[in-house]
Amino acid sequence: MQRNALITAFNAGVTQETLAAEYGISIRSIKRLVHGTSNRPQATANRLTPSQRENLAHAFHTGGHTQHDLARRYGVSLSTVKRILRSQSTDE
């Protein structure tokens, strides 16, 4: 199935822009496919899992990734990354 190949490529670090060009679909469609959502308004299904949130925070604090890099990598907005990092620092 093409969706599985797309998700595998995304998880391996291929950018949404590259996948959109390769598959001939919009970046928004890539986000929907990767996060398992449809054309409905934002729902809990397209939010990051607790594990993804922890991985994002870990990558920021130890991996030398910028907030902007992580936003692109996880397909979320910069403000979402900042909110996750802020909540992770208050949880500790």
C-alpha atoms as a PDB file:
ATOM      1  CA  MET A   1       0.000   0.000   0.000  1.00  0.00           C
ATOM      2  CA  GLN A   2       1.347   3.451  -0.929  1.00  0.00           C
ATOM      3  CA  ARG A   3       0.241   5.001   2.369  1.00  0.00           C
ATOM      4  CA  ASN A   4       2.509   2.660   4.311  1.00  0.00           C
ATOM      5  CA  ALA A   5       5.460   3.505   2.069  1.00  0.00           C
ATOM      6  CA  LEU A   6       4.741   7.204   2.499  1.00  0.00           C
ATOM      7  CA  ILE A   7       4.585   6.910   6.296  1.00  0.00           C
ATOM      8  CA  THR A   8       7.770   4.822   6.364  1.00  0.00           C
ATOM      9  CA  ALA A   9       9.566   7.457   4.290  1.00  0.00           C
ATOM     10  CA  PHE A  10       8.248  10.242   6.554  1.00  0.00           C
ATOM     11  CA  ASN A  11       9.410   8.415   9.682  1.00  0.00           C
ATOM     12  CA  ALA A  12      12.810   7.917   8.067  1.00  0.00           C
ATOM     13  CA  GLY A  13      13.167  11.685   7.795  1.00  0.00           C
ATOM     14  CA  VAL A  14      11.959  12.515   4.274  1.00  0.00           C
ATOM     15  CA  THR A  15      10.409  15.978   4.351  1.00  0.00           C
ATOM     16  CA  GLN A  16       6.731  16.585   3.739  1.00  0.00           C
ATOM     17  CA  GLU A  17       7.630  18.795   0.787  1.00  0.00           C
ATOM     18  CA  THR A  18       9.624  16.003  -0.857  1.00  0.00           C
ATOM     19  CA  LEU A  19       6.865  13.455  -0.286  1.00  0.00           C
ATOM     20  CA  ALA A  20       4.220  15.821  -1.636  1.00  0.00           C
ATOM     21  CA  ALA A  21       6.228  16.329  -4.824  1.00  0.00           C
ATOM     22  CA  GLU A  22       6.971  12.613  -5.165  1.00  0.00           C
ATOM     23  CA  TYR A  23       3.357  11.503  -4.698  1.00  0.00           C
ATOM     24  CA  GLY A  24       1.811  14.464  -6.510  1.00  0.00           C
ATOM     25  CA  ILE A  25      -0.345  15.565  -3.585  1.00  0.00           C
ATOM     26  CA  SER A  26      -0.421  18.569  -1.279  1.00  0.00           C
ATOM     27  CA  ILE A  27       1.606  18.909   1.896  1.00  0.00           C
ATOM     28  CA  ARG A  28      -1.689  19.083   3.777  1.00  0.00           C
ATOM     29  CA  SER A  29      -2.615  15.669   2.336  1.00  0.00           C
ATOM     30  CA  ILE A  30       0.744  14.307   3.485  1.00  0.00           C
ATOM     31  CA  LYS A  31      -0.002  15.546   7.011  1.00  0.00           C
ATOM     32  CA  ARG A  32      -3.437  13.930   6.945  1.00  0.00           C
ATOM     33  CA  LEU A  33      -2.076  10.614   5.729  1.00  0.00           C
ATOM     34  CA  VAL A  34       0.780  10.562   8.233  1.00  0.00           C
ATOM     35  CA  HIS A  35      -1.416  11.513  11.173  1.00  0.00           C
ATOM     36  CA  GLY A  36      -4.407   9.407  10.144  1.00  0.00           C
ATOM     37  CA  THR A  37      -6.956  12.172   9.753  1.00  0.00           C
ATOM     38  CA  SER A  38      -9.509  12.901   7.094  1.00  0.00           C
ATOM     39  CA  ASN A  39     -11.005  16.149   5.843  1.00  0.00           C
ATOM     40  CA  ARG A  40     -12.712  16.810   9.163  1.00  0.00           C
ATOM     41  CA  PRO A  41     -11.693  19.555  11.605  1.00  0.00           C
ATOM     42  CA  GLN A  42      -8.703  18.907  13.820  1.00  0.00           C
ATOM     43  CA  ALA A  43      -9.348  16.004  16.161  1.00  0.00           C
ATOM     44  CA  THR A  44      -7.343  14.092  18.696  1.00  0.00           C
ATOM     45  CA  ALA A  45      -6.301  11.571  16.039  1.00  0.00           C
ATOM     46  CA  ASN A  46      -3.856  14.020  14.440  1.00  0.00           C
ATOM     47  CA  ARG A  47      -2.176  15.144  17.633  1.00  0.00           C
ATOM     48  CA  LEU A  48       1.191  13.902  18.745  1.00  0.00           C
ATOM     49  CA  THR A  49       1.216  10.903  21.024  1.00  0.00           C
ATOM     50  CA  PRO A  50       2.833  11.175  24.468  1.00  0.00           C
ATOM     51  CA  SER A  51       5.759   9.162  23.100  1.00  0.00           C
ATOM     52  CA  GLN A  52       6.187  11.551  20.156  1.00  0.00           C
ATOM     53  CA  ARG A  53       6.093  14.500  22.565  1.00  0.00           C
ATOM     54  CA  GLU A  54       8.819  12.942  24.698  1.00  0.00           C
ATOM     55  CA  ASN A  55      10.914  12.160  21.614  1.00  0.00           C
ATOM     56  CA  LEU A  56      10.495  15.723  20.354  1.00  0.00           C
ATOM     57  CA  ALA A  57      11.626  17.192  23.680  1.00  0.00           C
ATOM     58  CA  HIS A  58      14.540  14.747  23.888  1.00  0.00           C
ATOM     59  CA  ALA A  59      15.639  15.609  20.331  1.00  0.00           C
ATOM     60  CA  PHE A  60      15.552  19.307  21.158  1.00  0.00           C
ATOM     61  CA  HIS A  61      17.485  19.037  24.419  1.00  0.00           C
ATOM     62  CA  THR A  62      20.093  16.498  23.315  1.00  0.00           C
ATOM     63  CA  GLY A  63      20.161  16.322  19.534  1.00  0.00           C
ATOM     64  CA  GLY A  64      20.921  19.889  18.592  1.00  0.00           C
ATOM     65  CA  HIS A  65      17.695  20.268  16.600  1.00  0.00           C
ATOM     66  CA  THR A  66      16.035  23.659  16.356  1.00  0.00           C
ATOM     67  CA  GLN A  67      12.383  24.161  17.191  1.00  0.00           C
ATOM     68  CA  HIS A  68      11.753  24.941  13.534  1.00  0.00           C
ATOM     69  CA  ASP A  69      13.405  21.656  12.436  1.00  0.00           C
ATOM     70  CA  LEU A  70      11.278  19.696  14.872  1.00  0.00           C
ATOM     71  CA  ALA A  71       8.074  21.414  13.734  1.00  0.00           C
ATOM     72  CA  ARG A  72       8.788  20.347  10.158  1.00  0.00           C
ATOM     73  CA  ARG A  73       9.880  16.864  11.190  1.00  0.00           C
ATOM     74  CA  TYR A  74       6.720  16.189  13.195  1.00  0.00           C
ATOM     75  CA  GLY A  75       4.366  18.073  10.892  1.00  0.00           C
ATOM     76  CA  VAL A  76       3.191  20.517  13.529  1.00  0.00           C
ATOM     77  CA  SER A  77       3.363  24.258  13.963  1.00  0.00           C
ATOM     78  CA  LEU A  78       6.203  26.055  15.673  1.00  0.00           C
ATOM     79  CA  SER A  79       3.814  27.135  18.427  1.00  0.00           C
ATOM     80  CA  THR A  80       2.949  23.478  19.068  1.00  0.00           C
ATOM     81  CA  VAL A  81       6.634  22.634  19.488  1.00  0.00           C
ATOM     82  CA  LYS A  82       7.082  25.543  21.899  1.00  0.00           C
ATOM     83  CA  ARG A  83       4.020  24.474  23.889  1.00  0.00           C
ATOM     84  CA  ILE A  84       5.306  20.878  24.109  1.00  0.00           C
ATOM     85  CA  LEU A  85       8.751  22.006  25.259  1.00  0.00           C
ATOM     86  CA  ARG A  86       7.229  24.351  27.809  1.00  0.00           C
ATOM     87  CA  SER A  87       4.968  21.617  29.210  1.00  0.00           C
ATOM     88  CA  GLN A  88       7.844  19.115  29.285  1.00  0.00           C
ATOM     89  CA  SER A  89       9.985  21.509  31.304  1.00  0.00           C
ATOM     90  CA  THR A  90       7.207  22.101  33.850  1.00  0.00           C
ATOM     91  CA  ASP A  91       6.508  18.365  34.169  1.00  0.00           C
ATOM     92  CA  GLU A  92      10.053  17.645  35.329  1.00  0.00           C
END
